[in-house]
């Protein structure tokens, strides 16, 4: 298969960090981008979640915490209590 080149623009700090990451796992940045492109094409989607200003309430760590609290309430090892809402300035 014939190969072609393309240019990616990114800030220098990101490029350095990404290059180091790729090196640490034994590949070049070019190989990493090729893997990304092949996976995106095969899955017909961007192969990772993209979010804008994700609500921290739905973060994985908070969901695990809530599951633990609910389990404790259901099995009687925790007590359901009220608390004041926290106002956040945006």
PDB file of N, CA and C in Angstrom:
ATOM      1  N   UNK A   1       0.847  -1.174   0.000  1.00  0.00           N
ATOM      2  CA  UNK A   1       0.000   0.000   0.000  1.00  0.00           C
ATOM      3  C   UNK A   1       0.895   1.240   0.000  1.00  0.00           C
ATOM      4  N   UNK A   2       0.598   2.163  -0.859  1.00  0.00           N
ATOM      5  CA  UNK A   2       1.385   3.399  -0.936  1.00  0.00           C
ATOM      6  C   UNK A   2       1.164   4.236   0.318  1.00  0.00           C
ATOM      7  N   UNK A   3       2.212   4.892   0.754  1.00  0.00           N
ATOM      8  CA  UNK A   3       2.104   5.740   1.938  1.00  0.00           C
ATOM      9  C   UNK A   3       2.136   7.196   1.522  1.00  0.00           C
ATOM     10  N   UNK A   4       1.522   8.032   2.340  1.00  0.00           N
ATOM     11  CA  UNK A   4       1.511   9.464   2.121  1.00  0.00           C
ATOM     12  C   UNK A   4       1.803  10.143   3.446  1.00  0.00           C
ATOM     13  N   UNK A   5       2.087  11.418   3.414  1.00  0.00           N
ATOM     14  CA  UNK A   5       2.370  12.149   4.643  1.00  0.00           C
ATOM     15  C   UNK A   5       1.329  13.229   4.868  1.00  0.00           C
ATOM     16  N   UNK A   6       1.195  13.631   6.115  1.00  0.00           N
ATOM     17  CA  UNK A   6       0.353  14.776   6.448  1.00  0.00           C
ATOM     18  C   UNK A   6       0.972  15.482   7.636  1.00  0.00           C
ATOM     19  N   UNK A   7       0.576  16.714   7.858  1.00  0.00           N
ATOM     20  CA  UNK A   7       1.136  17.531   8.928  1.00  0.00           C
ATOM     21  C   UNK A   7       0.115  17.701  10.035  1.00  0.00           C
ATOM     22  N   UNK A   8       0.574  17.570  11.265  1.00  0.00           N
ATOM     23  CA  UNK A   8      -0.278  17.797  12.433  1.00  0.00           C
ATOM     24  C   UNK A   8       0.306  18.962  13.196  1.00  0.00           C
ATOM     25  N   UNK A   9      -0.510  19.931  13.528  1.00  0.00           N
ATOM     26  CA  UNK A   9      -0.056  21.072  14.317  1.00  0.00           C
ATOM     27  C   UNK A   9      -0.487  20.893  15.763  1.00  0.00           C
ATOM     28  N   UNK A  10       0.469  21.054  16.676  1.00  0.00           N
ATOM     29  CA  UNK A  10       0.172  21.003  18.104  1.00  0.00           C
ATOM     30  C   UNK A  10       1.236  21.808  18.835  1.00  0.00           C
ATOM     31  N   UNK A  11       0.926  22.167  20.068  1.00  0.00           N
ATOM     32  CA  UNK A  11       1.907  22.963  20.813  1.00  0.00           C
ATOM     33  C   UNK A  11       3.114  22.099  21.149  1.00  0.00           C
ATOM     34  N   UNK A  12       4.233  22.748  21.366  1.00  0.00           N
ATOM     35  CA  UNK A  12       5.506  22.064  21.570  1.00  0.00           C
ATOM     36  C   UNK A  12       5.498  21.162  22.797  1.00  0.00           C
ATOM     37  N   UNK A  13       4.867  21.596  23.887  1.00  0.00           N
ATOM     38  CA  UNK A  13       4.834  20.780  25.100  1.00  0.00           C
ATOM     39  C   UNK A  13       4.071  19.474  24.867  1.00  0.00           C
ATOM     40  N   UNK A  14       2.938  19.566  24.173  1.00  0.00           N
ATOM     41  CA  UNK A  14       2.157  18.371  23.871  1.00  0.00           C
ATOM     42  C   UNK A  14       2.942  17.436  22.966  1.00  0.00           C
ATOM     43  N   UNK A  15       3.614  18.003  21.968  1.00  0.00           N
ATOM     44  CA  UNK A  15       4.406  17.180  21.048  1.00  0.00           C
ATOM     45  C   UNK A  15       5.503  16.444  21.803  1.00  0.00           C
ATOM     46  N   UNK A  16       6.205  17.145  22.676  1.00  0.00           N
ATOM     47  CA  UNK A  16       7.281  16.522  23.445  1.00  0.00           C
ATOM     48  C   UNK A  16       6.740  15.407  24.332  1.00  0.00           C
ATOM     49  N   UNK A  17       5.655  15.682  25.047  1.00  0.00           N
ATOM     50  CA  UNK A  17       5.068  14.685  25.942  1.00  0.00           C
ATOM     51  C   UNK A  17       4.565  13.478  25.155  1.00  0.00           C
ATOM     52  N   UNK A  18       3.939  13.725  24.004  1.00  0.00           N
ATOM     53  CA  UNK A  18       3.417  12.631  23.182  1.00  0.00           C
ATOM     54  C   UNK A  18       4.555  11.807  22.595  1.00  0.00           C
ATOM     55  N   UNK A  19       5.593  12.472  22.159  1.00  0.00           N
ATOM     56  CA  UNK A  19       6.759  11.774  21.615  1.00  0.00           C
ATOM     57  C   UNK A  19       7.391  10.880  22.677  1.00  0.00           C
ATOM     58  N   UNK A  20       7.509  11.384  23.903  1.00  0.00           N
ATOM     59  CA  UNK A  20       8.060  10.596  25.003  1.00  0.00           C
ATOM     60  C   UNK A  20       7.174   9.393  25.319  1.00  0.00           C
ATOM     61  N   UNK A  21       5.864   9.616  25.349  1.00  0.00           N
ATOM     62  CA  UNK A  21       4.928   8.522  25.592  1.00  0.00           C
ATOM     63  C   UNK A  21       5.091   7.438  24.534  1.00  0.00           C
ATOM     64  N   UNK A  22       5.090   7.834  23.274  1.00  0.00           N
ATOM     65  CA  UNK A  22       5.238   6.868  22.181  1.00  0.00           C
ATOM     66  C   UNK A  22       6.549   6.105  22.302  1.00  0.00           C
ATOM     67  N   UNK A  23       7.615   6.807  22.599  1.00  0.00           N
ATOM     68  CA  UNK A  23       8.922   6.178  22.758  1.00  0.00           C
ATOM     69  C   UNK A  23       8.912   5.166  23.892  1.00  0.00           C
ATOM     70  N   UNK A  24       8.268   5.527  25.000  1.00  0.00           N
ATOM     71  CA  UNK A  24       8.209   4.642  26.167  1.00  0.00           C
ATOM     72  C   UNK A  24       7.456   3.345  25.882  1.00  0.00           C
ATOM     73  N   UNK A  25       6.518   3.390  24.945  1.00  0.00           N
ATOM     74  CA  UNK A  25       5.785   2.166  24.608  1.00  0.00           C
ATOM     75  C   UNK A  25       6.274   1.539  23.312  1.00  0.00           C
ATOM     76  N   UNK A  26       7.397   2.058  22.788  1.00  0.00           N
ATOM     77  CA  UNK A  26       8.071   1.411  21.674  1.00  0.00           C
ATOM     78  C   UNK A  26       7.530   1.711  20.294  1.00  0.00           C
ATOM     79  N   UNK A  27       7.027   2.900  20.103  1.00  0.00           N
ATOM     80  CA  UNK A  27       6.541   3.272  18.775  1.00  0.00           C
ATOM     81  C   UNK A  27       6.840   4.731  18.484  1.00  0.00           C
ATOM     82  N   UNK A  28       6.701   5.102  17.229  1.00  0.00           N
ATOM     83  CA  UNK A  28       6.875   6.497  16.834  1.00  0.00           C
ATOM     84  C   UNK A  28       5.522   7.199  16.874  1.00  0.00           C
ATOM     85  N   UNK A  29       5.563   8.527  16.819  1.00  0.00           N
ATOM     86  CA  UNK A  29       4.310   9.273  16.745  1.00  0.00           C
ATOM     87  C   UNK A  29       3.571   8.914  15.463  1.00  0.00           C
ATOM     88  N   UNK A  30       4.293   8.708  14.388  1.00  0.00           N
ATOM     89  CA  UNK A  30       3.673   8.331  13.118  1.00  0.00           C
ATOM     90  C   UNK A  30       2.896   7.023  13.252  1.00  0.00           C
ATOM     91  N   UNK A  31       3.513   6.044  13.923  1.00  0.00           N
ATOM     92  CA  UNK A  31       2.827   4.768  14.139  1.00  0.00           C
ATOM     93  C   UNK A  31       1.575   4.968  14.986  1.00  0.00           C
ATOM     94  N   UNK A  32       1.664   5.793  16.026  1.00  0.00           N
ATOM     95  CA  UNK A  32       0.519   6.052  16.902  1.00  0.00           C
ATOM     96  C   UNK A  32      -0.631   6.682  16.115  1.00  0.00           C
ATOM     97  N   UNK A  33      -0.315   7.663  15.267  1.00  0.00           N
ATOM     98  CA  UNK A  33      -1.375   8.286  14.462  1.00  0.00           C
ATOM     99  C   UNK A  33      -1.962   7.302  13.465  1.00  0.00           C
ATOM    100  N   UNK A  34      -1.136   6.413  12.921  1.00  0.00           N
ATOM    101  CA  UNK A  34      -1.637   5.400  11.987  1.00  0.00           C
ATOM    102  C   UNK A  34      -2.582   4.435  12.695  1.00  0.00           C
ATOM    103  N   UNK A  35      -2.205   4.026  13.910  1.00  0.00           N
ATOM    104  CA  UNK A  35      -3.084   3.147  14.692  1.00  0.00           C
ATOM    105  C   UNK A  35      -4.414   3.842  14.962  1.00  0.00           C
ATOM    106  N   UNK A  36      -4.341   5.117  15.374  1.00  0.00           N
ATOM    107  CA  UNK A  36      -5.563   5.886  15.628  1.00  0.00           C
ATOM    108  C   UNK A  36      -6.442   5.921  14.382  1.00  0.00           C
ATOM    109  N   UNK A  37      -5.862   6.238  13.225  1.00  0.00           N
ATOM    110  CA  UNK A  37      -6.634   6.352  11.991  1.00  0.00           C
ATOM    111  C   UNK A  37      -7.268   5.020  11.598  1.00  0.00           C
ATOM    112  N   UNK A  38      -6.504   3.939  11.693  1.00  0.00           N
ATOM    113  CA  UNK A  38      -7.041   2.621  11.330  1.00  0.00           C
ATOM    114  C   UNK A  38      -8.183   2.215  12.251  1.00  0.00           C
ATOM    115  N   UNK A  39      -8.033   2.473  13.540  1.00  0.00           N
ATOM    116  CA  UNK A  39      -9.093   2.127  14.486  1.00  0.00           C
ATOM    117  C   UNK A  39     -10.338   2.974  14.245  1.00  0.00           C
ATOM    118  N   UNK A  40     -10.143   4.268  13.994  1.00  0.00           N
ATOM    119  CA  UNK A  40     -11.285   5.147  13.714  1.00  0.00           C
ATOM    120  C   UNK A  40     -12.034   4.681  12.467  1.00  0.00           C
ATOM    121  N   UNK A  41     -11.296   4.304  11.434  1.00  0.00           N
ATOM    122  CA  UNK A  41     -11.930   3.844  10.197  1.00  0.00           C
ATOM    123  C   UNK A  41     -12.668   2.525  10.432  1.00  0.00           C
ATOM    124  N   UNK A  42     -12.026   1.582  11.131  1.00  0.00           N
ATOM    125  CA  UNK A  42     -12.662   0.272  11.326  1.00  0.00           C
ATOM    126  C   UNK A  42     -13.912   0.365  12.200  1.00  0.00           C
ATOM    127  N   UNK A  43     -13.901   1.272  13.192  1.00  0.00           N
ATOM    128  CA  UNK A  43     -15.045   1.418  14.094  1.00  0.00           C
ATOM    129  C   UNK A  43     -16.034   2.479  13.629  1.00  0.00           C
ATOM    130  N   UNK A  44     -15.627   3.281  12.635  1.00  0.00           N
ATOM    131  CA  UNK A  44     -16.458   4.374  12.132  1.00  0.00           C
ATOM    132  C   UNK A  44     -16.855   5.343  13.246  1.00  0.00           C
ATOM    133  N   UNK A  45     -15.869   5.641  14.089  1.00  0.00           N
ATOM    134  CA  UNK A  45     -16.067   6.599  15.175  1.00  0.00           C
ATOM    135  C   UNK A  45     -14.699   7.017  15.694  1.00  0.00           C
ATOM    136  N   UNK A  46     -14.654   8.090  16.465  1.00  0.00           N
ATOM    137  CA  UNK A  46     -13.437   8.455  17.171  1.00  0.00           C
ATOM    138  C   UNK A  46     -13.294   7.433  18.305  1.00  0.00           C
ATOM    139  N   UNK A  47     -12.168   6.730  18.405  1.00  0.00           N
ATOM    140  CA  UNK A  47     -12.079   5.601  19.335  1.00  0.00           C
ATOM    141  C   UNK A  47     -11.840   5.967  20.805  1.00  0.00           C
ATOM    142  N   UNK A  48     -12.348   7.093  21.224  1.00  0.00           N
ATOM    143  CA  UNK A  48     -12.326   7.465  22.629  1.00  0.00           C
ATOM    144  C   UNK A  48     -13.425   8.487  22.833  1.00  0.00           C
ATOM    145  N   UNK A  49     -13.831   8.653  24.089  1.00  0.00           N
ATOM    146  CA  UNK A  49     -14.930   9.562  24.413  1.00  0.00           C
ATOM    147  C   UNK A  49     -14.462  11.011  24.361  1.00  0.00           C
ATOM    148  N   UNK A  50     -15.251  11.856  23.745  1.00  0.00           N
ATOM    149  CA  UNK A  50     -15.004  13.293  23.714  1.00  0.00           C
ATOM    150  C   UNK A  50     -16.126  13.976  24.481  1.00  0.00           C
ATOM    151  N   UNK A  51     -15.754  14.858  25.402  1.00  0.00           N
ATOM    152  CA  UNK A  51     -16.761  15.582  26.166  1.00  0.00           C
ATOM    153  C   UNK A  51     -16.376  17.048  26.263  1.00  0.00           C
ATOM    154  N   UNK A  52     -17.362  17.854  26.467  1.00  0.00           N
ATOM    155  CA  UNK A  52     -17.132  19.283  26.682  1.00  0.00           C
ATOM    156  C   UNK A  52     -17.658  19.614  28.069  1.00  0.00           C
ATOM    157  N   UNK A  53     -16.759  20.051  28.940  1.00  0.00           N
ATOM    158  CA  UNK A  53     -17.148  20.432  30.300  1.00  0.00           C
ATOM    159  C   UNK A  53     -17.972  19.339  30.970  1.00  0.00           C
ATOM    160  N   UNK A  54     -17.439  18.156  31.004  1.00  0.00           N
ATOM    161  CA  UNK A  54     -18.145  17.029  31.603  1.00  0.00           C
ATOM    162  C   UNK A  54     -18.512  17.341  33.050  1.00  0.00           C
ATOM    163  N   UNK A  55     -19.706  16.973  33.429  1.00  0.00           N
ATOM    164  CA  UNK A  55     -20.189  17.174  34.782  1.00  0.00           C
ATOM    165  C   UNK A  55     -19.462  16.205  35.712  1.00  0.00           C
ATOM    166  N   UNK A  56     -18.708  16.703  36.701  1.00  0.00           N
ATOM    167  CA  UNK A  56     -17.949  15.817  37.585  1.00  0.00           C
ATOM    168  C   UNK A  56     -18.838  14.866  38.382  1.00  0.00           C
ATOM    169  N   UNK A  57     -20.122  15.186  38.505  1.00  0.00           N
ATOM    170  CA  UNK A  57     -21.040  14.291  39.206  1.00  0.00           C
ATOM    171  C   UNK A  57     -21.041  12.919  38.559  1.00  0.00           C
ATOM    172  N   UNK A  58     -20.925  12.883  37.232  1.00  0.00           N
ATOM    173  CA  UNK A  58     -20.998  11.623  36.496  1.00  0.00           C
ATOM    174  C   UNK A  58     -19.632  10.992  36.248  1.00  0.00           C
ATOM    175  N   UNK A  59     -18.609  11.485  36.925  1.00  0.00           N
ATOM    176  CA  UNK A  59     -17.275  10.907  36.766  1.00  0.00           C
ATOM    177  C   UNK A  59     -17.279   9.477  37.298  1.00  0.00           C
ATOM    178  N   UNK A  60     -16.350   8.678  36.788  1.00  0.00           N
ATOM    179  CA  UNK A  60     -16.265   7.278  37.205  1.00  0.00           C
ATOM    180  C   UNK A  60     -16.051   7.152  38.707  1.00  0.00           C
ATOM    181  N   UNK A  61     -15.187   8.005  39.256  1.00  0.00           N
ATOM    182  CA  UNK A  61     -14.904   7.907  40.696  1.00  0.00           C
ATOM    183  C   UNK A  61     -16.130   8.268  41.537  1.00  0.00           C
ATOM    184  N   UNK A  62     -16.895   9.267  41.120  1.00  0.00           N
ATOM    185  CA  UNK A  62     -18.083   9.629  41.886  1.00  0.00           C
ATOM    186  C   UNK A  62     -19.165   8.560  41.754  1.00  0.00           C
ATOM    187  N   UNK A  63     -19.298   7.966  40.577  1.00  0.00           N
ATOM    188  CA  UNK A  63     -20.293   6.903  40.397  1.00  0.00           C
ATOM    189  C   UNK A  63     -19.952   5.709  41.297  1.00  0.00           C
ATOM    190  N   UNK A  64     -18.659   5.371  41.415  1.00  0.00           N
ATOM    191  CA  UNK A  64     -18.255   4.284  42.309  1.00  0.00           C
ATOM    192  C   UNK A  64     -18.580   4.641  43.761  1.00  0.00           C
ATOM    193  N   UNK A  65     -18.299   5.901  44.139  1.00  0.00           N
ATOM    194  CA  UNK A  65     -18.601   6.357  45.502  1.00  0.00           C
ATOM    195  C   UNK A  65     -20.100   6.248  45.771  1.00  0.00           C
ATOM    196  N   UNK A  66     -20.908   6.714  44.845  1.00  0.00           N
ATOM    197  CA  UNK A  66     -22.361   6.661  45.034  1.00  0.00           C
ATOM    198  C   UNK A  66     -22.856   5.221  45.135  1.00  0.00           C
ATOM    199  N   UNK A  67     -22.296   4.321  44.321  1.00  0.00           N
ATOM    200  CA  UNK A  67     -22.668   2.908  44.403  1.00  0.00           C
ATOM    201  C   UNK A  67     -22.357   2.343  45.783  1.00  0.00           C
ATOM    202  N   UNK A  68     -21.194   2.721  46.320  1.00  0.00           N
ATOM    203  CA  UNK A  68     -20.799   2.261  47.650  1.00  0.00           C
ATOM    204  C   UNK A  68     -21.752   2.790  48.712  1.00  0.00           C
ATOM    205  N   UNK A  69     -22.110   4.063  48.628  1.00  0.00           N
ATOM    206  CA  UNK A  69     -23.041   4.669  49.584  1.00  0.00           C
ATOM    207  C   UNK A  69     -24.401   3.989  49.499  1.00  0.00           C
ATOM    208  N   UNK A  70     -24.906   3.801  48.290  1.00  0.00           N
ATOM    209  CA  UNK A  70     -26.214   3.159  48.107  1.00  0.00           C
ATOM    210  C   UNK A  70     -26.201   1.746  48.663  1.00  0.00           C
ATOM    211  N   UNK A  71     -25.123   1.014  48.379  1.00  0.00           N
ATOM    212  CA  UNK A  71     -25.010  -0.350  48.902  1.00  0.00           C
ATOM    213  C   UNK A  71     -25.027  -0.341  50.429  1.00  0.00           C
ATOM    214  N   UNK A  72     -24.318   0.610  51.025  1.00  0.00           N
ATOM    215  CA  UNK A  72     -24.293   0.718  52.482  1.00  0.00           C
ATOM    216  C   UNK A  72     -25.659   1.037  53.064  1.00  0.00           C
ATOM    217  N   UNK A  73     -26.385   1.913  52.406  1.00  0.00           N
ATOM    218  CA  UNK A  73     -27.734   2.262  52.875  1.00  0.00           C
ATOM    219  C   UNK A  73     -28.654   1.054  52.762  1.00  0.00           C
ATOM    220  N   UNK A  74     -28.548   0.349  51.625  1.00  0.00           N
ATOM    221  CA  UNK A  74     -29.414  -0.808  51.398  1.00  0.00           C
ATOM    222  C   UNK A  74     -29.119  -1.954  52.362  1.00  0.00           C
ATOM    223  N   UNK A  75     -27.852  -2.153  52.732  1.00  0.00           N
ATOM    224  CA  UNK A  75     -27.547  -3.273  53.639  1.00  0.00           C
ATOM    225  C   UNK A  75     -27.495  -2.848  55.108  1.00  0.00           C
ATOM    226  N   UNK A  76     -27.806  -1.579  55.386  1.00  0.00           N
ATOM    227  CA  UNK A  76     -27.922  -1.114  56.763  1.00  0.00           C
ATOM    228  C   UNK A  76     -26.627  -0.706  57.429  1.00  0.00           C
ATOM    229  N   UNK A  77     -25.525  -0.636  56.693  1.00  0.00           N
ATOM    230  CA  UNK A  77     -24.262  -0.238  57.312  1.00  0.00           C
ATOM    231  C   UNK A  77     -24.014   1.261  57.227  1.00  0.00           C
ATOM    232  N   UNK A  78     -24.850   1.960  56.490  1.00  0.00           N
ATOM    233  CA  UNK A  78     -24.758   3.432  56.396  1.00  0.00           C
ATOM    234  C   UNK A  78     -26.138   4.017  56.624  1.00  0.00           C
ATOM    235  N   UNK A  79     -26.133   5.252  57.073  1.00  0.00           N
ATOM    236  CA  UNK A  79     -27.392   5.944  57.309  1.00  0.00           C
ATOM    237  C   UNK A  79     -27.576   7.023  56.251  1.00  0.00           C
ATOM    238  N   UNK A  80     -28.781   7.148  55.756  1.00  0.00           N
ATOM    239  CA  UNK A  80     -29.094   8.181  54.781  1.00  0.00           C
ATOM    240  C   UNK A  80     -29.211   9.514  55.509  1.00  0.00           C
ATOM    241  N   UNK A  81     -28.417  10.500  55.089  1.00  0.00           N
ATOM    242  CA  UNK A  81     -28.435  11.811  55.723  1.00  0.00           C
ATOM    243  C   UNK A  81     -28.591  12.892  54.661  1.00  0.00           C
ATOM    244  N   UNK A  82     -29.124  14.021  55.095  1.00  0.00           N
ATOM    245  CA  UNK A  82     -29.249  15.165  54.205  1.00  0.00           C
ATOM    246  C   UNK A  82     -28.020  16.048  54.331  1.00  0.00           C
ATOM    247  N   UNK A  83     -27.745  16.817  53.270  1.00  0.00           N
ATOM    248  CA  UNK A  83     -26.681  17.810  53.339  1.00  0.00           C
ATOM    249  C   UNK A  83     -27.085  19.001  52.491  1.00  0.00           C
ATOM    250  N   UNK A  84     -26.444  20.137  52.739  1.00  0.00           N
ATOM    251  CA  UNK A  84     -26.735  21.329  51.966  1.00  0.00           C
ATOM    252  C   UNK A  84     -26.095  21.218  50.586  1.00  0.00           C
ATOM    253  N   UNK A  85     -26.744  21.771  49.609  1.00  0.00           N
ATOM    254  CA  UNK A  85     -26.180  21.805  48.277  1.00  0.00           C
ATOM    255  C   UNK A  85     -25.009  22.785  48.241  1.00  0.00           C
ATOM    256  N   UNK A  86     -24.046  22.502  47.450  1.00  0.00           N
ATOM    257  CA  UNK A  86     -22.870  23.369  47.303  1.00  0.00           C
ATOM    258  C   UNK A  86     -23.059  24.202  46.053  1.00  0.00           C
ATOM    259  N   UNK A  87     -22.977  25.502  46.190  1.00  0.00           N
ATOM    260  CA  UNK A  87     -23.079  26.400  45.038  1.00  0.00           C
ATOM    261  C   UNK A  87     -21.720  26.548  44.388  1.00  0.00           C
ATOM    262  N   UNK A  88     -21.676  26.440  43.079  1.00  0.00           N
ATOM    263  CA  UNK A  88     -20.427  26.559  42.345  1.00  0.00           C
ATOM    264  C   UNK A  88     -20.537  27.725  41.381  1.00  0.00           C
ATOM    265  N   UNK A  89     -19.579  28.640  41.450  1.00  0.00           N
ATOM    266  CA  UNK A  89     -19.545  29.763  40.511  1.00  0.00           C
ATOM    267  C   UNK A  89     -18.960  29.281  39.201  1.00  0.00           C
ATOM    268  N   UNK A  90     -19.598  29.627  38.095  1.00  0.00           N
ATOM    269  CA  UNK A  90     -19.067  29.243  36.788  1.00  0.00           C
ATOM    270  C   UNK A  90     -18.633  30.445  36.026  1.00  0.00           C
TER     271      UNK A  90
END
